[in-house]
Amino acid sequence: MTNLLETIQSGRQSKPPRVLLYGVEGIGKSTFGSEAPKPIFIQAEDGLDEIECDRFPLATKFDDVIAALKTLVNEKHDYESVVIDSLDWLERLVWDKLCQQYAVESIEKVDGGYARGYMHALSLWREVLDLLNVLRSRGMVIVLIAHSKVERFEDPESSPYDRYSPRLHKHAAALVKEWCDAVLFATRKMRTQSEDGGFNRKRTIAHAIGKDGGERVVRAYGSPSCVAKNRYGIAEELPLSWSAFVNALTNNSPATQSQGN
């Protein structure tokens, strides 16, 4: 019988990051993924034509995504990162597969309805994450890309407010966010200013900070305005680039912090 005490692990174990980057259309999410080390894209939506990257053919069904992941697991290759672009389009493929299995037209009607379809979808999401875990165990960086949505958050400690979150169903979003080491929100630097709107009313105007409609940044920490997190101790706003993210990882590593002390 195995002595469990002999299996105990200790100390920090550095592994490739699992990153979810989400934000509005056109902010540069796919470009961020293309900057990861030797990336291969699994594209669930069309839109990579203007980006220099290696990619599998556009996935039109869930099995295409699984086949691409299994190819990376089973075949020899030199890729160091896998990028799924995007999760919200992949979710449509997940729902389509369930609708085919249950011979219904809507995820709402899967297995008789009552939100059972969304729960069944989690098993397909776990199939994707299990394959990504295998690739990560072999040294591959994982980058997941998603669009953003504005959701109403019922905060038990304050009044409800709106915030940005990944454009996924809440069950899938919770599973993916928990699995990832970093959930990053891509946005632009803005400042707001109150102006006279006439008739004794005030209006709030947003002004971009920086060129090209505002400097592109990522937030790696949660706030009332967005869902974000990281397990690396990153507490500052970063430029929207892979190199800036990697530099933040290095600067927040225990070894670097001990040297700084």
C-alpha atoms as a PDB file:
ATOM      1  CA  MET A   1       0.000   0.000   0.000  1.00  0.00           C
ATOM      2  CA  THR A   2       1.398   3.399  -0.993  1.00  0.00           C
ATOM      3  CA  ASN A   3       2.340   5.740   1.819  1.00  0.00           C
ATOM      4  CA  LEU A   4       0.657   9.025   0.919  1.00  0.00           C
ATOM      5  CA  LEU A   5       3.254  10.964   2.907  1.00  0.00           C
ATOM      6  CA  GLU A   6       5.841   9.861   0.355  1.00  0.00           C
ATOM      7  CA  THR A   7       3.836  11.494  -2.453  1.00  0.00           C
ATOM      8  CA  ILE A   8       3.655  14.956  -0.880  1.00  0.00           C
ATOM      9  CA  GLN A   9       5.055  17.715  -3.085  1.00  0.00           C
ATOM     10  CA  SER A  10       6.457  20.989  -1.834  1.00  0.00           C
ATOM     11  CA  GLY A  11       7.779  24.227  -3.236  1.00  0.00           C
ATOM     12  CA  ARG A  12       6.827  26.251  -6.265  1.00  0.00           C
ATOM     13  CA  GLN A  13       6.387  24.371  -9.536  1.00  0.00           C
ATOM     14  CA  SER A  14       6.708  26.572 -12.605  1.00  0.00           C
ATOM     15  CA  LYS A  15       4.410  25.530 -15.428  1.00  0.00           C
ATOM     16  CA  PRO A  16       3.358  27.257 -18.655  1.00  0.00           C
ATOM     17  CA  PRO A  17       0.584  29.797 -18.043  1.00  0.00           C
ATOM     18  CA  ARG A  18      -3.059  29.212 -18.893  1.00  0.00           C
ATOM     19  CA  VAL A  19      -4.353  32.597 -20.010  1.00  0.00           C
ATOM     20  CA  LEU A  20      -7.834  33.801 -20.896  1.00  0.00           C
ATOM     21  CA  LEU A  21      -7.823  37.173 -22.657  1.00  0.00           C
ATOM     22  CA  TYR A  22     -11.148  38.831 -23.406  1.00  0.00           C
ATOM     23  CA  GLY A  23     -12.194  42.252 -24.649  1.00  0.00           C
ATOM     24  CA  VAL A  24     -14.120  44.175 -27.279  1.00  0.00           C
ATOM     25  CA  GLU A  25     -13.845  43.533 -31.010  1.00  0.00           C
ATOM     26  CA  GLY A  26     -10.734  44.856 -32.724  1.00  0.00           C
ATOM     27  CA  ILE A  27      -8.759  45.591 -29.560  1.00  0.00           C
ATOM     28  CA  GLY A  28      -5.900  43.204 -30.487  1.00  0.00           C
ATOM     29  CA  LYS A  29      -6.739  39.923 -28.756  1.00  0.00           C
ATOM     30  CA  SER A  30      -5.660  37.686 -31.624  1.00  0.00           C
ATOM     31  CA  THR A  31      -2.467  39.704 -32.051  1.00  0.00           C
ATOM     32  CA  PHE A  32      -1.722  39.060 -28.361  1.00  0.00           C
ATOM     33  CA  GLY A  33      -2.086  35.320 -29.003  1.00  0.00           C
ATOM     34  CA  SER A  34       0.163  35.491 -32.059  1.00  0.00           C
ATOM     35  CA  GLU A  35       2.938  36.949 -29.881  1.00  0.00           C
ATOM     36  CA  ALA A  36       3.036  33.862 -27.629  1.00  0.00           C
ATOM     37  CA  PRO A  37       5.984  31.476 -28.199  1.00  0.00           C
ATOM     38  CA  LYS A  38       5.622  29.552 -31.504  1.00  0.00           C
ATOM     39  CA  PRO A  39       1.808  29.551 -31.486  1.00  0.00           C
ATOM     40  CA  ILE A  40      -0.641  27.391 -33.410  1.00  0.00           C
ATOM     41  CA  PHE A  41      -4.212  28.717 -33.627  1.00  0.00           C
ATOM     42  CA  ILE A  42      -7.371  26.633 -33.404  1.00  0.00           C
ATOM     43  CA  GLN A  43      -9.862  29.010 -34.977  1.00  0.00           C
ATOM     44  CA  ALA A  44     -13.540  28.687 -34.163  1.00  0.00           C
ATOM     45  CA  GLU A  45     -14.288  32.008 -35.860  1.00  0.00           C
ATOM     46  CA  ASP A  46     -13.046  33.551 -39.068  1.00  0.00           C
ATOM     47  CA  GLY A  47     -10.799  36.599 -38.686  1.00  0.00           C
ATOM     48  CA  LEU A  48      -7.133  35.628 -38.743  1.00  0.00           C
ATOM     49  CA  ASP A  49      -6.457  36.483 -42.384  1.00  0.00           C
ATOM     50  CA  GLU A  50      -4.542  39.660 -41.529  1.00  0.00           C
ATOM     51  CA  ILE A  51      -2.416  38.035 -38.810  1.00  0.00           C
ATOM     52  CA  GLU A  52       0.804  36.169 -39.551  1.00  0.00           C
ATOM     53  CA  CYS A  53       0.290  32.869 -37.749  1.00  0.00           C
ATOM     54  CA  ASP A  54      -0.023  29.114 -38.213  1.00  0.00           C
ATOM     55  CA  ARG A  55      -3.571  27.866 -37.849  1.00  0.00           C
ATOM     56  CA  PHE A  56      -5.768  24.839 -38.350  1.00  0.00           C
ATOM     57  CA  PRO A  57      -8.628  25.179 -40.864  1.00  0.00           C
ATOM     58  CA  LEU A  58     -11.692  27.009 -39.546  1.00  0.00           C
ATOM     59  CA  ALA A  59     -13.617  24.690 -37.226  1.00  0.00           C
ATOM     60  CA  THR A  60     -17.249  24.368 -38.251  1.00  0.00           C
ATOM     61  CA  LYS A  61     -18.172  21.750 -35.652  1.00  0.00           C
ATOM     62  CA  PHE A  62     -17.066  20.777 -32.172  1.00  0.00           C
ATOM     63  CA  ASP A  63     -15.360  17.605 -33.408  1.00  0.00           C
ATOM     64  CA  ASP A  64     -13.031  19.759 -35.558  1.00  0.00           C
ATOM     65  CA  VAL A  65     -11.706  21.425 -32.415  1.00  0.00           C
ATOM     66  CA  ILE A  66     -11.225  18.100 -30.647  1.00  0.00           C
ATOM     67  CA  ALA A  67      -9.460  16.676 -33.708  1.00  0.00           C
ATOM     68  CA  ALA A  68      -7.049  19.641 -33.769  1.00  0.00           C
ATOM     69  CA  LEU A  69      -6.254  19.260 -30.067  1.00  0.00           C
ATOM     70  CA  LYS A  70      -5.731  15.500 -30.406  1.00  0.00           C
ATOM     71  CA  THR A  71      -3.415  16.116 -33.353  1.00  0.00           C
ATOM     72  CA  LEU A  72      -1.255  18.327 -31.148  1.00  0.00           C
ATOM     73  CA  VAL A  73      -1.352  15.671 -28.416  1.00  0.00           C
ATOM     74  CA  ASN A  74      -0.547  12.702 -30.652  1.00  0.00           C
ATOM     75  CA  GLU A  75       1.657  14.097 -33.430  1.00  0.00           C
ATOM     76  CA  LYS A  76       5.205  15.416 -33.202  1.00  0.00           C
ATOM     77  CA  HIS A  77       5.478  19.179 -33.693  1.00  0.00           C
ATOM     78  CA  ASP A  78       7.532  22.229 -32.681  1.00  0.00           C
ATOM     79  CA  TYR A  79       4.696  24.478 -31.486  1.00  0.00           C
ATOM     80  CA  GLU A  80       5.099  25.893 -27.996  1.00  0.00           C
ATOM     81  CA  SER A  81       1.695  27.584 -27.570  1.00  0.00           C
ATOM     82  CA  VAL A  82      -1.869  26.735 -28.536  1.00  0.00           C
ATOM     83  CA  VAL A  83      -4.396  29.548 -29.023  1.00  0.00           C
ATOM     84  CA  ILE A  84      -8.158  28.960 -29.199  1.00  0.00           C
ATOM     85  CA  ASP A  85      -9.863  31.871 -30.963  1.00  0.00           C
ATOM     86  CA  SER A  86     -12.510  32.339 -29.760  1.00  0.00           C
ATOM     87  CA  LEU A  87     -14.255  30.680 -26.827  1.00  0.00           C
ATOM     88  CA  ASP A  88     -17.652  32.277 -27.473  1.00  0.00           C
ATOM     89  CA  TRP A  89     -17.682  30.881 -31.011  1.00  0.00           C
ATOM     90  CA  LEU A  90     -16.497  27.533 -29.657  1.00  0.00           C
ATOM     91  CA  GLU A  91     -19.460  27.627 -27.292  1.00  0.00           C
ATOM     92  CA  ARG A  92     -21.776  27.772 -30.308  1.00  0.00           C
ATOM     93  CA  LEU A  93     -20.143  24.605 -31.624  1.00  0.00           C
ATOM     94  CA  VAL A  94     -20.627  22.983 -28.198  1.00  0.00           C
ATOM     95  CA  TRP A  95     -24.325  23.839 -28.287  1.00  0.00           C
ATOM     96  CA  ASP A  96     -24.691  22.672 -31.896  1.00  0.00           C
ATOM     97  CA  LYS A  97     -23.254  19.268 -30.976  1.00  0.00           C
ATOM     98  CA  LEU A  98     -25.684  18.869 -28.096  1.00  0.00           C
ATOM     99  CA  CYS A  99     -28.602  19.932 -30.271  1.00  0.00           C
ATOM    100  CA  GLN A 100     -27.629  17.251 -32.796  1.00  0.00           C
ATOM    101  CA  GLN A 101     -27.296  14.610 -30.080  1.00  0.00           C
ATOM    102  CA  TYR A 102     -30.748  15.382 -28.666  1.00  0.00           C
ATOM    103  CA  ALA A 103     -32.377  16.215 -32.041  1.00  0.00           C
ATOM    104  CA  VAL A 104     -33.552  19.644 -30.933  1.00  0.00           C
ATOM    105  CA  GLU A 105     -33.188  23.118 -32.404  1.00  0.00           C
ATOM    106  CA  SER A 106     -32.093  25.023 -29.302  1.00  0.00           C
ATOM    107  CA  ILE A 107     -29.789  24.487 -26.346  1.00  0.00           C
ATOM    108  CA  GLU A 108     -32.757  25.474 -24.207  1.00  0.00           C
ATOM    109  CA  LYS A 109     -34.577  22.308 -25.301  1.00  0.00           C
ATOM    110  CA  VAL A 110     -31.739  19.826 -24.775  1.00  0.00           C
ATOM    111  CA  ASP A 111     -32.772  16.892 -22.522  1.00  0.00           C
ATOM    112  CA  GLY A 112     -36.203  18.357 -21.924  1.00  0.00           C
ATOM    113  CA  GLY A 113     -35.111  21.884 -21.113  1.00  0.00           C
ATOM    114  CA  TYR A 114     -34.912  23.430 -17.640  1.00  0.00           C
ATOM    115  CA  ALA A 115     -31.294  24.555 -18.353  1.00  0.00           C
ATOM    116  CA  ARG A 116     -30.109  20.946 -18.615  1.00  0.00           C
ATOM    117  CA  GLY A 117     -28.413  21.771 -21.909  1.00  0.00           C
ATOM    118  CA  TYR A 118     -26.047  24.211 -20.250  1.00  0.00           C
ATOM    119  CA  MET A 119     -25.098  21.592 -17.666  1.00  0.00           C
ATOM    120  CA  HIS A 120     -24.499  18.948 -20.350  1.00  0.00           C
ATOM    121  CA  ALA A 121     -22.307  21.473 -22.158  1.00  0.00           C
ATOM    122  CA  LEU A 122     -19.874  21.397 -19.245  1.00  0.00           C
ATOM    123  CA  SER A 123     -18.882  17.812 -20.096  1.00  0.00           C
ATOM    124  CA  LEU A 124     -17.808  18.966 -23.568  1.00  0.00           C
ATOM    125  CA  TRP A 125     -15.939  21.934 -22.106  1.00  0.00           C
ATOM    126  CA  ARG A 126     -14.121  19.547 -19.753  1.00  0.00           C
ATOM    127  CA  GLU A 127     -13.138  17.430 -22.756  1.00  0.00           C
ATOM    128  CA  VAL A 128     -11.443  20.498 -24.239  1.00  0.00           C
ATOM    129  CA  LEU A 129      -9.757  21.432 -20.960  1.00  0.00           C
ATOM    130  CA  ASP A 130      -8.530  17.867 -20.390  1.00  0.00           C
ATOM    131  CA  LEU A 131      -6.736  17.912 -23.749  1.00  0.00           C
ATOM    132  CA  LEU A 132      -5.313  21.346 -23.003  1.00  0.00           C
ATOM    133  CA  ASN A 133      -4.042  19.973 -19.696  1.00  0.00           C
ATOM    134  CA  VAL A 134      -2.142  17.285 -21.571  1.00  0.00           C
ATOM    135  CA  LEU A 135      -0.551  19.876 -23.843  1.00  0.00           C
ATOM    136  CA  ARG A 136       0.355  22.057 -20.873  1.00  0.00           C
ATOM    137  CA  SER A 137       1.944  19.082 -19.107  1.00  0.00           C
ATOM    138  CA  ARG A 138       4.201  18.802 -22.152  1.00  0.00           C
ATOM    139  CA  GLY A 139       5.289  22.415 -21.881  1.00  0.00           C
ATOM    140  CA  MET A 140       2.807  24.266 -24.079  1.00  0.00           C
ATOM    141  CA  VAL A 141       1.431  27.694 -23.193  1.00  0.00           C
ATOM    142  CA  ILE A 142      -2.370  27.927 -23.353  1.00  0.00           C
ATOM    143  CA  VAL A 143      -4.031  31.111 -24.630  1.00  0.00           C
ATOM    144  CA  LEU A 144      -7.827  31.329 -24.765  1.00  0.00           C
ATOM    145  CA  ILE A 145      -9.466  34.316 -26.450  1.00  0.00           C
ATOM    146  CA  ALA A 146     -13.019  35.578 -25.959  1.00  0.00           C
ATOM    147  CA  HIS A 147     -15.140  38.612 -26.685  1.00  0.00           C
ATOM    148  CA  SER A 148     -16.601  40.663 -23.858  1.00  0.00           C
ATOM    149  CA  LYS A 149     -20.118  41.430 -22.701  1.00  0.00           C
ATOM    150  CA  VAL A 150     -21.591  43.741 -20.097  1.00  0.00           C
ATOM    151  CA  GLU A 151     -23.390  41.890 -17.319  1.00  0.00           C
ATOM    152  CA  ARG A 152     -25.344  42.988 -14.293  1.00  0.00           C
ATOM    153  CA  PHE A 153     -23.599  41.899 -11.093  1.00  0.00           C
ATOM    154  CA  GLU A 154     -25.645  41.554  -7.918  1.00  0.00           C
ATOM    155  CA  ASP A 155     -23.079  42.408  -5.252  1.00  0.00           C
ATOM    156  CA  PRO A 156     -24.302  41.343  -1.782  1.00  0.00           C
ATOM    157  CA  GLU A 157     -22.082  44.019  -0.188  1.00  0.00           C
ATOM    158  CA  SER A 158     -23.242  46.968  -2.314  1.00  0.00           C
ATOM    159  CA  SER A 159     -25.738  48.068  -4.928  1.00  0.00           C
ATOM    160  CA  PRO A 160     -25.869  46.118  -8.212  1.00  0.00           C
ATOM    161  CA  TYR A 161     -23.584  47.363 -10.975  1.00  0.00           C
ATOM    162  CA  ASP A 162     -22.562  46.581 -14.561  1.00  0.00           C
ATOM    163  CA  ARG A 163     -19.197  45.033 -15.366  1.00  0.00           C
ATOM    164  CA  TYR A 164     -17.363  43.469 -18.296  1.00  0.00           C
ATOM    165  CA  SER A 165     -17.056  39.682 -18.411  1.00  0.00           C
ATOM    166  CA  PRO A 166     -16.243  36.996 -21.017  1.00  0.00           C
ATOM    167  CA  ARG A 167     -19.097  36.405 -23.468  1.00  0.00           C
ATOM    168  CA  LEU A 168     -19.909  32.895 -22.265  1.00  0.00           C
ATOM    169  CA  HIS A 169     -22.794  31.265 -20.448  1.00  0.00           C
ATOM    170  CA  LYS A 170     -22.282  31.642 -16.711  1.00  0.00           C
ATOM    171  CA  HIS A 171     -21.628  27.932 -16.105  1.00  0.00           C
ATOM    172  CA  ALA A 172     -19.001  27.670 -18.837  1.00  0.00           C
ATOM    173  CA  ALA A 173     -17.476  30.990 -17.810  1.00  0.00           C
ATOM    174  CA  ALA A 174     -17.122  29.856 -14.188  1.00  0.00           C
ATOM    175  CA  LEU A 175     -15.434  26.597 -15.253  1.00  0.00           C
ATOM    176  CA  VAL A 176     -12.951  28.247 -17.630  1.00  0.00           C
ATOM    177  CA  LYS A 177     -12.109  31.147 -15.309  1.00  0.00           C
ATOM    178  CA  GLU A 178     -11.361  28.785 -12.438  1.00  0.00           C
ATOM    179  CA  TRP A 179      -9.167  26.618 -14.690  1.00  0.00           C
ATOM    180  CA  CYS A 180      -7.078  29.515 -15.988  1.00  0.00           C
ATOM    181  CA  ASP A 181      -4.108  31.006 -14.145  1.00  0.00           C
ATOM    182  CA  ALA A 182      -4.823  34.485 -15.492  1.00  0.00           C
ATOM    183  CA  VAL A 183      -8.021  36.111 -16.740  1.00  0.00           C
ATOM    184  CA  LEU A 184      -7.098  39.342 -18.508  1.00  0.00           C
ATOM    185  CA  PHE A 185      -9.442  42.099 -19.647  1.00  0.00           C
ATOM    186  CA  ALA A 186      -8.283  44.034 -22.709  1.00  0.00           C
ATOM    187  CA  THR A 187      -9.504  47.617 -22.936  1.00  0.00           C
ATOM    188  CA  ARG A 188      -8.456  51.175 -23.767  1.00  0.00           C
ATOM    189  CA  LYS A 189      -7.355  53.881 -21.384  1.00  0.00           C
ATOM    190  CA  MET A 190     -10.172  56.371 -20.970  1.00  0.00           C
ATOM    191  CA  ARG A 191     -11.084  59.220 -18.681  1.00  0.00           C
ATOM    192  CA  THR A 192     -14.566  60.520 -18.014  1.00  0.00           C
ATOM    193  CA  GLN A 193     -15.599  64.118 -17.651  1.00  0.00           C
ATOM    194  CA  SER A 194     -18.929  65.642 -16.649  1.00  0.00           C
ATOM    195  CA  GLU A 195     -20.244  68.383 -18.904  1.00  0.00           C
ATOM    196  CA  ASP A 196     -23.284  70.612 -18.967  1.00  0.00           C
ATOM    197  CA  GLY A 197     -26.002  68.904 -20.997  1.00  0.00           C
ATOM    198  CA  GLY A 198     -28.450  71.785 -20.795  1.00  0.00           C
ATOM    199  CA  PHE A 199     -31.690  72.102 -18.886  1.00  0.00           C
ATOM    200  CA  ASN A 200     -29.804  71.754 -15.589  1.00  0.00           C
ATOM    201  CA  ARG A 201     -28.571  68.291 -16.560  1.00  0.00           C
ATOM    202  CA  LYS A 202     -25.096  66.824 -16.560  1.00  0.00           C
ATOM    203  CA  ARG A 203     -23.745  64.332 -19.067  1.00  0.00           C
ATOM    204  CA  THR A 204     -20.615  62.177 -18.830  1.00  0.00           C
ATOM    205  CA  ILE A 205     -18.244  62.195 -21.787  1.00  0.00           C
ATOM    206  CA  ALA A 206     -15.478  59.604 -22.273  1.00  0.00           C
ATOM    207  CA  HIS A 207     -12.147  60.795 -23.666  1.00  0.00           C
ATOM    208  CA  ALA A 208      -9.406  58.492 -24.934  1.00  0.00           C
ATOM    209  CA  ILE A 209      -5.982  58.622 -23.286  1.00  0.00           C
ATOM    210  CA  GLY A 210      -3.273  58.090 -25.883  1.00  0.00           C
ATOM    211  CA  LYS A 211      -3.384  57.774 -29.655  1.00  0.00           C
ATOM    212  CA  ASP A 212      -5.514  55.604 -31.941  1.00  0.00           C
ATOM    213  CA  GLY A 213      -8.605  55.850 -29.802  1.00  0.00           C
ATOM    214  CA  GLY A 214      -6.850  55.195 -26.530  1.00  0.00           C
ATOM    215  CA  GLU A 215      -3.852  53.243 -25.297  1.00  0.00           C
ATOM    216  CA  ARG A 216      -4.545  49.508 -25.324  1.00  0.00           C
ATOM    217  CA  VAL A 217      -4.042  47.897 -21.914  1.00  0.00           C
ATOM    218  CA  VAL A 218      -4.929  44.751 -19.985  1.00  0.00           C
ATOM    219  CA  ARG A 219      -6.129  44.444 -16.423  1.00  0.00           C
ATOM    220  CA  ALA A 220      -5.070  41.341 -14.549  1.00  0.00           C
ATOM    221  CA  TYR A 221      -6.971  42.063 -11.342  1.00  0.00           C
ATOM    222  CA  GLY A 222     -10.693  42.194 -10.626  1.00  0.00           C
ATOM    223  CA  SER A 223     -12.560  45.438 -10.084  1.00  0.00           C
ATOM    224  CA  PRO A 224     -16.165  46.676 -10.162  1.00  0.00           C
ATOM    225  CA  SER A 225     -15.702  47.388 -13.887  1.00  0.00           C
ATOM    226  CA  CYS A 226     -14.454  43.984 -15.055  1.00  0.00           C
ATOM    227  CA  VAL A 227     -13.892  40.316 -14.248  1.00  0.00           C
ATOM    228  CA  ALA A 228     -10.161  39.549 -14.015  1.00  0.00           C
ATOM    229  CA  LYS A 229      -7.714  37.594 -11.860  1.00  0.00           C
ATOM    230  CA  ASN A 230      -4.239  36.116 -11.821  1.00  0.00           C
ATOM    231  CA  ARG A 231      -2.220  33.739  -9.669  1.00  0.00           C
ATOM    232  CA  TYR A 232       1.041  35.601 -10.203  1.00  0.00           C
ATOM    233  CA  GLY A 233       0.576  38.622  -7.975  1.00  0.00           C
ATOM    234  CA  ILE A 234       0.174  41.066 -10.875  1.00  0.00           C
ATOM    235  CA  ALA A 235      -1.592  44.114  -9.455  1.00  0.00           C
ATOM    236  CA  GLU A 236      -0.829  46.719 -12.094  1.00  0.00           C
ATOM    237  CA  GLU A 237      -2.304  47.630 -15.480  1.00  0.00           C
ATOM    238  CA  LEU A 238      -0.177  46.313 -18.360  1.00  0.00           C
ATOM    239  CA  PRO A 239       0.278  47.233 -22.016  1.00  0.00           C
ATOM    240  CA  LEU A 240      -1.646  44.878 -24.297  1.00  0.00           C
ATOM    241  CA  SER A 241       1.238  42.659 -25.423  1.00  0.00           C
ATOM    242  CA  TRP A 242       2.561  39.196 -24.658  1.00  0.00           C
ATOM    243  CA  SER A 243       5.998  40.583 -23.759  1.00  0.00           C
ATOM    244  CA  ALA A 244       4.484  42.924 -21.161  1.00  0.00           C
ATOM    245  CA  PHE A 245       2.600  40.009 -19.611  1.00  0.00           C
ATOM    246  CA  VAL A 246       5.729  37.827 -19.491  1.00  0.00           C
ATOM    247  CA  ASN A 247       7.748  40.685 -17.962  1.00  0.00           C
ATOM    248  CA  ALA A 248       5.082  41.042 -15.275  1.00  0.00           C
ATOM    249  CA  LEU A 249       5.323  37.312 -14.543  1.00  0.00           C
ATOM    250  CA  THR A 250       9.087  37.615 -14.168  1.00  0.00           C
ATOM    251  CA  ASN A 251       8.912  40.716 -11.983  1.00  0.00           C
ATOM    252  CA  ASN A 252       6.360  39.087  -9.675  1.00  0.00           C
ATOM    253  CA  SER A 253       8.150  35.759  -9.297  1.00  0.00           C
ATOM    254  CA  PRO A 254       9.292  34.871  -5.736  1.00  0.00           C
ATOM    255  CA  ALA A 255      12.943  34.822  -6.827  1.00  0.00           C
ATOM    256  CA  THR A 256      12.734  38.334  -8.252  1.00  0.00           C
ATOM    257  CA  GLN A 257      10.916  39.654  -5.184  1.00  0.00           C
ATOM    258  CA  SER A 258      13.493  38.138  -2.826  1.00  0.00           C
ATOM    259  CA  GLN A 259      16.301  39.734  -4.826  1.00  0.00           C
ATOM    260  CA  GLY A 260      14.498  43.061  -4.594  1.00  0.00           C
ATOM    261  CA  ASN A 261      14.381  42.733  -0.844  1.00  0.00           C
END
